């Protein structure tokens, strides 16, 4: 294998651009040739090929000197809950497409991508309001995987996962409230990075973005290769992940009895990642996570109440503009009393303290991203929601950073760190990716 072929996708393209082997315009054309190639042709909800070409042509003038910014000429996509000047912000809903109109300026995330020299290919499909985990959308069509039209991408960062899988983007900005980066990354065989909650809010990157539930909302990346994780995080958040030289780490994991609802592929994928990390030098120990069962009820109530408050203002309390399942959750959230919400927030504080103490006992922690490895198109996914959120919402309550370790089958695994330990987590992900490349 050549040295070039051994490079990670983002780094490989960056090297080619730096040497002049490829121009930003050529990188843009390659990305555009792949765009919206899934069977539903809806990876992007907003897309202007000529604008992308113009931006690519302008990059050498904008950044004439070396070194170039980290994402110079790299095609990326951005979830359609962040403003991008010249496009509407739909939240995956025709109601908001009409109500919001065209954004006049970039969100903080879009502006940051421009500063880093990225080529923003378009705004990606999402589960309506980011309030769902499957990628189903009655307004814009369900988002199916480019590689397999029988499978949904998962959501709510559905188009982001599809854009990386179809290679119209090398990386995609997504959001994660209850698993919306982790789950589509897992189902689509990709890596993902969900940033610590505090980091996402402290950096001001939510300016110009629409929340689902601020108590849990964070953001991050979907991408192909674990080795690109630190570079993407540095480009977005501005911190550098250290090189990890220590491999003899202690990693906790959920026990076998917690996995009682997992399908065979998820069990195999989880076992495979435990084996790989052990071979990298880690010692893995199962610990009691029975109390994680409390997370979903707490998450569901607080999210519903906060989402109802946000969208109730825009709809005058009429949630019928949205799919029935979402409208029902919003109506329930609006009905919760102050005393009920106070009870759930107290439960949240207790859970965060207990789970945080558990994480502090280890270098990292492992759990599947979901009990299932695929979401079939056209199936009833009412029960799928619990089979996913049971695994993702515990770390949503903690506000912890998570890297999705990819499996080709769709059975991705959560690599979890203590809150605000993003740099160390990403450094370890890079080390593991390098070891396994």
Foldseek 3Di string as FASTA:
>chain_A
DDPLVLDDDQVSVLVCCVVVVDALLRLLVVLVVLQLLAPLSALFPWFDSVVLNVLRVCQCVVDVDPPAFLAASAEEEEALQFADAPAFRAQLAVVRRVVRDGDHHGALQVVLCVNRNYRHGHHGQFDRNQPFWFQAHPVRGRQAASVDNQFGLTARNRSQLNSQRSVSGQKYKDKCQLQHFQQSCLLSQWKWKWAFLCLQVVQNRCGRGDDLFSLQITMTMIHHFLLCRQSRCCSRRVDGFDADPDLAWEEEEADPVVLPLADPVLVVVQVVVVVLSVVSNYDYYYDYPVVLQVQPVLSLQNSLLRNLVRVCVVVVSDLPSGDPVNNVSNNVNVPDDPVRNVVSVVVLVVLLVVVLVVQVVTQKYKDWQFRYQTDGPPDDCPVRRCRRSSGRRSCSSNSWMWMWDGDNSSGTMTITHRRPPVSHSSSVSSVSRSVVD
